[in-house]
């Protein structure tokens, strides 16, 4: 088995992060430091350690979908006392981490898991997992503005474009726009909209990998169903569906209903979320 996959199975990091740990010399096999991410190991007999700590595969994998409120950071740890997505999930048994990122000023769907392979499939560019957002933009956008987003703008000397864009509705002189992207570049939608002259007022992720946020309340979470996990783990690149194409003609946006087992945050968590709201 590839060593980065083994590290992911242990829940220590995603495959991509595991490669970084290996290259940084923080991983050892049978007491010998390794620096080659492509190394194969015998998971039955080899001992793999991270900074001297023995890694063992986790038997139980858990998968949560959280509706992240504004003001909460999508990180496993807070450097300056911020509320993290993990603070909103009542699970102290598993070593969890968020999948991808959703900036502090944005809200909506984010997955949390202890499965490195799950995180890898959702975040690696080659799997082309689409993420759908509702963005309230300053001012009234027109067709030219929307075409600029799909054609692409330059971010950090590299073209960034949306897979799909449409005007949802006008709200008091501002524009609510539906945007689908498959990249995960830092604050990508905010930066793209800034470039076309319509800064983002608010941003909400409502769908990822075909899984919709539905009516899950802000600050609440639920476990993914087995079917949803399989859908996320599908390694076939996503293609634009007929439903996505039809949205160009039919502006109504219908979000799917959540799966079973929707959970409200614990009382302790609700207090944390309330503090976040009071800071807004």
Foldseek 3Di string as FASTA:
>chain_A
DQPLQQCLQLLNAASVVSLVQLCVQQKDKPNHTHNDRRDDDDLVPIWMDGNNHTGDGDPDKFKKKAWADAQEWQFLDDPPPGHHLVLLDPDPPADKHWQATDHNRATEITMMISRNLLSCLQADLQQQKKWKKKWKWAADDDPVLLVDQQVFDDDPNDTHHFVDKDFQDDDPRITIMMTMGRHRDDVVVQVSCVVSPIGTPYMYTQDILRAGRAPQDHSWMFTADPVVSVSSSDSHRDDQDVVRVCCNVVSDDDTDHDDPGIGHGDPSSVVSVVVSVVVD
